[in-house]
Amino acid sequence: MPAATRPRLRVTPRRKLPPPLAELTLSREQRQRVHMAASVLLDYPDADWYAKLPTIAQLVSPLPDDLRVPLQRFLDAAAVADAEATVAAQAAASGTARPAAHPFEQAYVNTFDLKRKCSLYLTYFATGDTRKRGTALVTIQDAYKAAGWEFDADELPDYLPAVLEFSALCDDEIAAALLSSHREGIEVLRAALEEMGSPWADVVRAVTLSLPPIDEATRERYLDLISQGPPTETVGLSFLGALPPFRMREDA
């Protein structure tokens, strides 16, 4: 049937989940290394970001191969993009070509700023752009405070690099609970990045491997989110990341 006359489908098949990842047994230090590395690698790749990459390479070098290899592959991809940008900048300076945006910066914007299923804001996967997102963000703020931390950044508190940094630096079980409670969103993000063939899929894959194993029911919920995307209405919505309310510790 010609594309111009083909009717728009009202229903579409559910997308397949990416293959389940092998369960890893990690020490606290290994998880810290993964989460700290990912907190940097998922941030915006400007010049300051590139300056941190040698340190990140050292940070991930002792990790098991299942974690080190994808993270190193991402670092290699970033280095190739930077080399291409340097050549392009030199050509522009000599007048043989027009100035161009850094390819990794452009790819980052095209991936995380323009695609719903690639959001780096964890509550978006559970609540979308609905009124309930404000409640979810307050819950995350309470989690930081309950662990004795204050969130002081320009980003929203559910920004994945910030949550990963919190998990890497804070020994309180609240930090691990905050990240794990949003695993559904992280899995949706991984699935979307892998489907695109994005280099950032390797980073999110390493994060997923660092989280506790999941059961089949949870995988089914991932499948629903992957197929439907983040919600756009509040009707019937009660999921806030499975994160319980937190109270301030007496010693905090």
C-alpha atoms as a PDB file:
ATOM      1  CA  MET A   1       0.000   0.000   0.000  1.00  0.00           C
ATOM      2  CA  PRO A   2       1.420   3.453  -0.901  1.00  0.00           C
ATOM      3  CA  ALA A   3       2.620   5.423   2.118  1.00  0.00           C
ATOM      4  CA  ALA A   4       0.246   8.296   1.302  1.00  0.00           C
ATOM      5  CA  THR A   5      -2.828   6.038   1.567  1.00  0.00           C
ATOM      6  CA  ARG A   6      -1.660   3.735   4.349  1.00  0.00           C
ATOM      7  CA  PRO A   7      -3.840   4.302   7.458  1.00  0.00           C
ATOM      8  CA  ARG A   8      -2.146   5.340  10.680  1.00  0.00           C
ATOM      9  CA  LEU A   9      -2.073   2.400  13.056  1.00  0.00           C
ATOM     10  CA  ARG A  10      -3.908   2.902  16.310  1.00  0.00           C
ATOM     11  CA  VAL A  11      -2.168  -0.008  17.971  1.00  0.00           C
ATOM     12  CA  THR A  12       1.417  -1.120  17.673  1.00  0.00           C
ATOM     13  CA  PRO A  13       3.163  -4.301  18.851  1.00  0.00           C
ATOM     14  CA  ARG A  14       4.969  -4.197  22.164  1.00  0.00           C
ATOM     15  CA  ARG A  15       8.666  -3.668  21.754  1.00  0.00           C
ATOM     16  CA  LYS A  16      10.985  -6.393  22.893  1.00  0.00           C
ATOM     17  CA  LEU A  17      13.095  -5.914  25.957  1.00  0.00           C
ATOM     18  CA  PRO A  18      16.847  -5.962  25.514  1.00  0.00           C
ATOM     19  CA  PRO A  19      18.365  -9.276  26.589  1.00  0.00           C
ATOM     20  CA  PRO A  20      18.658  -9.644  30.372  1.00  0.00           C
ATOM     21  CA  LEU A  21      22.119  -8.936  31.671  1.00  0.00           C
ATOM     22  CA  ALA A  22      24.110 -11.491  33.601  1.00  0.00           C
ATOM     23  CA  GLU A  23      24.000 -10.959  37.341  1.00  0.00           C
ATOM     24  CA  LEU A  24      27.247  -9.653  38.803  1.00  0.00           C
ATOM     25  CA  THR A  25      28.427  -9.885  42.381  1.00  0.00           C
ATOM     26  CA  LEU A  26      30.163  -6.613  43.143  1.00  0.00           C
ATOM     27  CA  SER A  27      31.830  -5.114  46.162  1.00  0.00           C
ATOM     28  CA  ARG A  28      30.815  -1.727  47.514  1.00  0.00           C
ATOM     29  CA  GLU A  29      34.011  -0.230  46.091  1.00  0.00           C
ATOM     30  CA  GLN A  30      33.299  -1.615  42.616  1.00  0.00           C
ATOM     31  CA  ARG A  31      29.788  -0.154  42.642  1.00  0.00           C
ATOM     32  CA  GLN A  32      31.213   3.169  43.760  1.00  0.00           C
ATOM     33  CA  ARG A  33      33.638   3.156  40.849  1.00  0.00           C
ATOM     34  CA  VAL A  34      30.894   2.364  38.324  1.00  0.00           C
ATOM     35  CA  HIS A  35      28.505   4.976  39.684  1.00  0.00           C
ATOM     36  CA  MET A  36      31.111   7.719  39.943  1.00  0.00           C
ATOM     37  CA  ALA A  37      32.372   7.032  36.423  1.00  0.00           C
ATOM     38  CA  ALA A  38      28.843   6.974  35.002  1.00  0.00           C
ATOM     39  CA  SER A  39      27.911  10.167  36.855  1.00  0.00           C
ATOM     40  CA  VAL A  40      30.644  11.942  34.892  1.00  0.00           C
ATOM     41  CA  LEU A  41      30.211  10.152  31.564  1.00  0.00           C
ATOM     42  CA  LEU A  42      26.465  10.877  31.390  1.00  0.00           C
ATOM     43  CA  ASP A  43      27.012  14.602  31.889  1.00  0.00           C
ATOM     44  CA  TYR A  44      27.318  17.130  29.065  1.00  0.00           C
ATOM     45  CA  PRO A  45      30.552  16.516  27.094  1.00  0.00           C
ATOM     46  CA  ASP A  46      32.153  19.970  27.061  1.00  0.00           C
ATOM     47  CA  ALA A  47      35.869  20.778  27.365  1.00  0.00           C
ATOM     48  CA  ASP A  48      35.844  20.345  31.153  1.00  0.00           C
ATOM     49  CA  TRP A  49      34.213  16.933  30.683  1.00  0.00           C
ATOM     50  CA  TYR A  50      36.953  15.832  28.303  1.00  0.00           C
ATOM     51  CA  ALA A  51      39.584  16.934  30.819  1.00  0.00           C
ATOM     52  CA  LYS A  52      38.157  14.444  33.327  1.00  0.00           C
ATOM     53  CA  LEU A  53      38.320  11.407  31.051  1.00  0.00           C
ATOM     54  CA  PRO A  54      41.903  10.325  31.890  1.00  0.00           C
ATOM     55  CA  THR A  55      40.890  10.178  35.562  1.00  0.00           C
ATOM     56  CA  ILE A  56      37.781   8.195  34.697  1.00  0.00           C
ATOM     57  CA  ALA A  57      39.892   5.754  32.659  1.00  0.00           C
ATOM     58  CA  GLN A  58      42.033   5.118  35.743  1.00  0.00           C
ATOM     59  CA  LEU A  59      38.916   4.791  37.903  1.00  0.00           C
ATOM     60  CA  VAL A  60      37.384   2.005  35.786  1.00  0.00           C
ATOM     61  CA  SER A  61      40.589   0.099  34.981  1.00  0.00           C
ATOM     62  CA  PRO A  62      40.378  -2.278  38.027  1.00  0.00           C
ATOM     63  CA  LEU A  63      36.743  -3.216  37.336  1.00  0.00           C
ATOM     64  CA  PRO A  64      35.688  -6.681  36.089  1.00  0.00           C
ATOM     65  CA  ASP A  65      35.651  -7.009  32.302  1.00  0.00           C
ATOM     66  CA  ASP A  66      31.836  -6.978  32.136  1.00  0.00           C
ATOM     67  CA  LEU A  67      31.959  -3.418  33.476  1.00  0.00           C
ATOM     68  CA  ARG A  68      35.342  -2.173  32.327  1.00  0.00           C
ATOM     69  CA  VAL A  69      34.959  -3.127  28.659  1.00  0.00           C
ATOM     70  CA  PRO A  70      31.761  -1.146  27.906  1.00  0.00           C
ATOM     71  CA  LEU A  71      33.014   1.858  29.854  1.00  0.00           C
ATOM     72  CA  GLN A  72      36.364   1.788  28.061  1.00  0.00           C
ATOM     73  CA  ARG A  73      34.566   1.396  24.729  1.00  0.00           C
ATOM     74  CA  PHE A  74      32.650   4.565  25.486  1.00  0.00           C
ATOM     75  CA  LEU A  75      35.854   6.385  26.430  1.00  0.00           C
ATOM     76  CA  ASP A  76      37.401   5.282  23.129  1.00  0.00           C
ATOM     77  CA  ALA A  77      34.365   6.576  21.201  1.00  0.00           C
ATOM     78  CA  ALA A  78      34.635   9.915  22.972  1.00  0.00           C
ATOM     79  CA  ALA A  79      38.328  10.135  22.098  1.00  0.00           C
ATOM     80  CA  VAL A  80      37.629   9.430  18.418  1.00  0.00           C
ATOM     81  CA  ALA A  81      34.935  12.124  18.344  1.00  0.00           C
ATOM     82  CA  ASP A  82      37.315  14.598  19.961  1.00  0.00           C
ATOM     83  CA  ALA A  83      40.040  13.827  17.412  1.00  0.00           C
ATOM     84  CA  GLU A  84      37.552  14.419  14.599  1.00  0.00           C
ATOM     85  CA  ALA A  85      36.526  17.715  16.198  1.00  0.00           C
ATOM     86  CA  THR A  86      40.172  18.799  16.427  1.00  0.00           C
ATOM     87  CA  VAL A  87      40.726  18.104  12.724  1.00  0.00           C
ATOM     88  CA  ALA A  88      37.530  19.992  11.855  1.00  0.00           C
ATOM     89  CA  ALA A  89      38.555  22.936  14.010  1.00  0.00           C
ATOM     90  CA  GLN A  90      41.957  23.090  12.329  1.00  0.00           C
ATOM     91  CA  ALA A  91      40.312  23.055   8.899  1.00  0.00           C
ATOM     92  CA  ALA A  92      37.963  25.838   9.964  1.00  0.00           C
ATOM     93  CA  ALA A  93      40.866  27.901  11.299  1.00  0.00           C
ATOM     94  CA  SER A  94      42.695  27.556   7.989  1.00  0.00           C
ATOM     95  CA  GLY A  95      39.629  28.650   6.065  1.00  0.00           C
ATOM     96  CA  THR A  96      39.158  25.350   4.215  1.00  0.00           C
ATOM     97  CA  ALA A  97      35.944  24.447   6.049  1.00  0.00           C
ATOM     98  CA  ARG A  98      33.141  26.016   8.039  1.00  0.00           C
ATOM     99  CA  PRO A  99      33.214  25.763  11.861  1.00  0.00           C
ATOM    100  CA  ALA A 100      31.161  22.822  13.107  1.00  0.00           C
ATOM    101  CA  ALA A 101      29.769  21.820  16.467  1.00  0.00           C
ATOM    102  CA  HIS A 102      31.681  19.164  18.384  1.00  0.00           C
ATOM    103  CA  PRO A 103      30.213  15.818  17.220  1.00  0.00           C
ATOM    104  CA  PHE A 104      29.901  14.406  20.735  1.00  0.00           C
ATOM    105  CA  GLU A 105      28.180  17.522  22.050  1.00  0.00           C
ATOM    106  CA  GLN A 106      25.753  17.458  19.118  1.00  0.00           C
ATOM    107  CA  ALA A 107      25.094  13.750  19.610  1.00  0.00           C
ATOM    108  CA  TYR A 108      24.439  14.332  23.312  1.00  0.00           C
ATOM    109  CA  VAL A 109      21.837  17.025  22.605  1.00  0.00           C
ATOM    110  CA  ASN A 110      20.182  14.950  19.873  1.00  0.00           C
ATOM    111  CA  THR A 111      20.004  11.971  22.209  1.00  0.00           C
ATOM    112  CA  PHE A 112      19.108  13.257  25.649  1.00  0.00           C
ATOM    113  CA  ASP A 113      17.387  16.551  24.939  1.00  0.00           C
ATOM    114  CA  LEU A 114      15.229  15.572  21.961  1.00  0.00           C
ATOM    115  CA  LYS A 115      14.058  12.003  22.676  1.00  0.00           C
ATOM    116  CA  ARG A 116      11.448  11.232  25.342  1.00  0.00           C
ATOM    117  CA  LYS A 117      12.704   7.742  26.099  1.00  0.00           C
ATOM    118  CA  CYS A 118      16.269   9.003  26.535  1.00  0.00           C
ATOM    119  CA  SER A 119      15.562  11.398  29.372  1.00  0.00           C
ATOM    120  CA  LEU A 120      18.214  11.624  32.079  1.00  0.00           C
ATOM    121  CA  TYR A 121      15.571  12.724  34.599  1.00  0.00           C
ATOM    122  CA  LEU A 122      14.430   9.588  36.390  1.00  0.00           C
ATOM    123  CA  THR A 123      10.982  10.709  37.533  1.00  0.00           C
ATOM    124  CA  TYR A 124      10.042  11.484  33.926  1.00  0.00           C
ATOM    125  CA  PHE A 125       9.774   7.774  33.149  1.00  0.00           C
ATOM    126  CA  ALA A 126       7.299   7.251  36.000  1.00  0.00           C
ATOM    127  CA  THR A 127       5.293  10.451  35.796  1.00  0.00           C
ATOM    128  CA  GLY A 128       6.040  12.123  32.468  1.00  0.00           C
ATOM    129  CA  ASP A 129       5.184  15.819  32.303  1.00  0.00           C
ATOM    130  CA  THR A 130       2.350  15.521  34.791  1.00  0.00           C
ATOM    131  CA  ARG A 131       1.490  17.177  38.077  1.00  0.00           C
ATOM    132  CA  LYS A 132       2.617  14.105  39.980  1.00  0.00           C
ATOM    133  CA  ARG A 133       6.191  14.709  38.935  1.00  0.00           C
ATOM    134  CA  GLY A 134       6.458  17.489  41.508  1.00  0.00           C
ATOM    135  CA  THR A 135       5.569  15.037  44.268  1.00  0.00           C
ATOM    136  CA  ALA A 136       8.158  12.581  42.968  1.00  0.00           C
ATOM    137  CA  LEU A 137      10.848  15.283  42.966  1.00  0.00           C
ATOM    138  CA  VAL A 138      10.016  16.225  46.559  1.00  0.00           C
ATOM    139  CA  THR A 139      10.361  12.565  47.524  1.00  0.00           C
ATOM    140  CA  ILE A 140      13.855  12.518  46.046  1.00  0.00           C
ATOM    141  CA  GLN A 141      14.767  15.740  47.837  1.00  0.00           C
ATOM    142  CA  ASP A 142      13.621  14.113  51.084  1.00  0.00           C
ATOM    143  CA  ALA A 143      15.859  11.129  50.353  1.00  0.00           C
ATOM    144  CA  TYR A 144      18.927  13.355  50.044  1.00  0.00           C
ATOM    145  CA  LYS A 145      18.072  15.145  53.292  1.00  0.00           C
ATOM    146  CA  ALA A 146      17.315  11.932  55.157  1.00  0.00           C
ATOM    147  CA  ALA A 147      20.828  10.721  54.353  1.00  0.00           C
ATOM    148  CA  GLY A 148      22.280  13.988  55.657  1.00  0.00           C
ATOM    149  CA  TRP A 149      22.960  15.529  52.245  1.00  0.00           C
ATOM    150  CA  GLU A 150      21.771  18.714  50.550  1.00  0.00           C
ATOM    151  CA  PHE A 151      21.144  18.844  46.819  1.00  0.00           C
ATOM    152  CA  ASP A 152      22.910  21.960  45.516  1.00  0.00           C
ATOM    153  CA  ALA A 153      23.015  22.006  41.728  1.00  0.00           C
ATOM    154  CA  ASP A 154      21.401  23.696  38.751  1.00  0.00           C
ATOM    155  CA  GLU A 155      19.796  20.417  37.660  1.00  0.00           C
ATOM    156  CA  LEU A 156      16.680  18.811  39.126  1.00  0.00           C
ATOM    157  CA  PRO A 157      17.346  16.295  41.929  1.00  0.00           C
ATOM    158  CA  ASP A 158      16.313  13.327  39.766  1.00  0.00           C
ATOM    159  CA  TYR A 159      19.083  14.000  37.224  1.00  0.00           C
ATOM    160  CA  LEU A 160      20.681  10.589  36.760  1.00  0.00           C
ATOM    161  CA  PRO A 161      24.324  11.777  36.978  1.00  0.00           C
ATOM    162  CA  ALA A 162      23.485  13.460  40.309  1.00  0.00           C
ATOM    163  CA  VAL A 163      21.750  10.349  41.677  1.00  0.00           C
ATOM    164  CA  LEU A 164      24.733   8.235  40.591  1.00  0.00           C
ATOM    165  CA  GLU A 165      27.158  10.613  42.302  1.00  0.00           C
ATOM    166  CA  PHE A 166      25.055  10.419  45.472  1.00  0.00           C
ATOM    167  CA  SER A 167      25.196   6.615  45.321  1.00  0.00           C
ATOM    168  CA  ALA A 168      28.968   6.683  44.805  1.00  0.00           C
ATOM    169  CA  LEU A 169      29.733   9.064  47.667  1.00  0.00           C
ATOM    170  CA  CYS A 170      27.112   8.246  50.292  1.00  0.00           C
ATOM    171  CA  ASP A 171      27.372   5.056  52.350  1.00  0.00           C
ATOM    172  CA  ASP A 172      23.803   5.343  53.635  1.00  0.00           C
ATOM    173  CA  GLU A 173      21.456   2.627  52.332  1.00  0.00           C
ATOM    174  CA  ILE A 174      19.101   5.424  51.245  1.00  0.00           C
ATOM    175  CA  ALA A 175      21.452   6.284  48.384  1.00  0.00           C
ATOM    176  CA  ALA A 176      21.310   2.737  47.018  1.00  0.00           C
ATOM    177  CA  ALA A 177      17.526   2.630  47.492  1.00  0.00           C
ATOM    178  CA  LEU A 178      17.089   5.885  45.589  1.00  0.00           C
ATOM    179  CA  LEU A 179      18.919   4.557  42.536  1.00  0.00           C
ATOM    180  CA  SER A 180      17.455   1.053  42.604  1.00  0.00           C
ATOM    181  CA  SER A 181      13.887   2.332  43.008  1.00  0.00           C
ATOM    182  CA  HIS A 182      14.169   3.969  39.591  1.00  0.00           C
ATOM    183  CA  ARG A 183      15.536   0.926  37.837  1.00  0.00           C
ATOM    184  CA  GLU A 184      12.508   0.821  35.541  1.00  0.00           C
ATOM    185  CA  GLY A 185      13.428   4.188  34.087  1.00  0.00           C
ATOM    186  CA  ILE A 186      17.082   3.200  33.776  1.00  0.00           C
ATOM    187  CA  GLU A 187      16.095   0.050  31.866  1.00  0.00           C
ATOM    188  CA  VAL A 188      13.885   2.065  29.512  1.00  0.00           C
ATOM    189  CA  LEU A 189      16.794   4.422  28.936  1.00  0.00           C
ATOM    190  CA  ARG A 190      19.133   1.494  28.236  1.00  0.00           C
ATOM    191  CA  ALA A 191      16.684  -0.065  25.790  1.00  0.00           C
ATOM    192  CA  ALA A 192      16.258   3.199  23.893  1.00  0.00           C
ATOM    193  CA  LEU A 193      19.996   3.863  23.698  1.00  0.00           C
ATOM    194  CA  GLU A 194      20.765   0.313  22.556  1.00  0.00           C
ATOM    195  CA  GLU A 195      18.085   0.506  19.884  1.00  0.00           C
ATOM    196  CA  MET A 196      19.709   3.713  18.587  1.00  0.00           C
ATOM    197  CA  GLY A 197      23.200   2.261  18.691  1.00  0.00           C
ATOM    198  CA  SER A 198      24.222   5.148  20.936  1.00  0.00           C
ATOM    199  CA  PRO A 199      27.670   5.097  22.567  1.00  0.00           C
ATOM    200  CA  TRP A 200      25.989   6.113  25.843  1.00  0.00           C
ATOM    201  CA  ALA A 201      24.261   2.716  25.881  1.00  0.00           C
ATOM    202  CA  ASP A 202      27.531   1.247  27.162  1.00  0.00           C
ATOM    203  CA  VAL A 203      27.522   3.589  30.161  1.00  0.00           C
ATOM    204  CA  VAL A 204      23.919   2.828  31.097  1.00  0.00           C
ATOM    205  CA  ARG A 205      24.593  -0.869  30.561  1.00  0.00           C
ATOM    206  CA  ALA A 206      27.344  -0.687  33.191  1.00  0.00           C
ATOM    207  CA  VAL A 207      24.976   1.074  35.584  1.00  0.00           C
ATOM    208  CA  THR A 208      22.321  -1.607  35.037  1.00  0.00           C
ATOM    209  CA  LEU A 209      24.856  -4.349  35.725  1.00  0.00           C
ATOM    210  CA  SER A 210      25.674  -2.701  39.047  1.00  0.00           C
ATOM    211  CA  LEU A 211      22.052  -2.894  40.267  1.00  0.00           C
ATOM    212  CA  PRO A 212      20.366  -5.823  42.046  1.00  0.00           C
ATOM    213  CA  PRO A 213      18.800  -8.546  39.854  1.00  0.00           C
ATOM    214  CA  ILE A 214      15.139  -8.243  38.813  1.00  0.00           C
ATOM    215  CA  ASP A 215      12.246 -10.684  38.525  1.00  0.00           C
ATOM    216  CA  GLU A 216      10.042 -11.397  35.517  1.00  0.00           C
ATOM    217  CA  ALA A 217       7.182  -9.197  36.765  1.00  0.00           C
ATOM    218  CA  THR A 218       9.512  -6.229  36.917  1.00  0.00           C
ATOM    219  CA  ARG A 219      10.748  -6.975  33.407  1.00  0.00           C
ATOM    220  CA  GLU A 220       7.132  -6.912  32.235  1.00  0.00           C
ATOM    221  CA  ARG A 221       6.722  -3.426  33.690  1.00  0.00           C
ATOM    222  CA  TYR A 222       9.846  -2.367  31.793  1.00  0.00           C
ATOM    223  CA  LEU A 223       8.286  -3.726  28.626  1.00  0.00           C
ATOM    224  CA  ASP A 224       5.156  -1.627  29.144  1.00  0.00           C
ATOM    225  CA  LEU A 225       7.217   1.514  29.641  1.00  0.00           C
ATOM    226  CA  ILE A 226       9.428   0.762  26.654  1.00  0.00           C
ATOM    227  CA  SER A 227       6.382   0.249  24.441  1.00  0.00           C
ATOM    228  CA  GLN A 228       4.277   3.143  25.715  1.00  0.00           C
ATOM    229  CA  GLY A 229       6.857   5.718  26.761  1.00  0.00           C
ATOM    230  CA  PRO A 230       6.567   8.046  29.753  1.00  0.00           C
ATOM    231  CA  PRO A 231       2.981   8.916  30.740  1.00  0.00           C
ATOM    232  CA  THR A 232       1.361  12.110  29.491  1.00  0.00           C
ATOM    233  CA  GLU A 233      -1.673  12.096  31.777  1.00  0.00           C
ATOM    234  CA  THR A 234      -2.170  11.571  35.499  1.00  0.00           C
ATOM    235  CA  VAL A 235      -5.225   9.304  35.218  1.00  0.00           C
ATOM    236  CA  GLY A 236      -4.611   6.045  37.053  1.00  0.00           C
ATOM    237  CA  LEU A 237      -0.989   6.907  37.774  1.00  0.00           C
ATOM    238  CA  SER A 238       0.374   6.057  41.202  1.00  0.00           C
ATOM    239  CA  PHE A 239       3.956   4.897  40.564  1.00  0.00           C
ATOM    240  CA  LEU A 240       6.560   7.320  41.923  1.00  0.00           C
ATOM    241  CA  GLY A 241       9.617   5.215  41.430  1.00  0.00           C
ATOM    242  CA  ALA A 242       8.668   2.738  44.196  1.00  0.00           C
ATOM    243  CA  LEU A 243      10.520   5.029  46.565  1.00  0.00           C
ATOM    244  CA  PRO A 244       9.141   5.115  50.125  1.00  0.00           C
ATOM    245  CA  PRO A 245       8.953   8.399  52.064  1.00  0.00           C
ATOM    246  CA  PHE A 246      12.082   9.123  54.060  1.00  0.00           C
ATOM    247  CA  ARG A 247      12.454  10.770  57.433  1.00  0.00           C
ATOM    248  CA  MET A 248      15.459  12.762  58.566  1.00  0.00           C
ATOM    249  CA  ARG A 249      17.910  10.683  60.554  1.00  0.00           C
ATOM    250  CA  GLU A 250      18.365  11.878  64.111  1.00  0.00           C
ATOM    251  CA  ASP A 251      22.152  12.099  63.642  1.00  0.00           C
ATOM    252  CA  ALA A 252      21.903  13.889  60.264  1.00  0.00           C
END
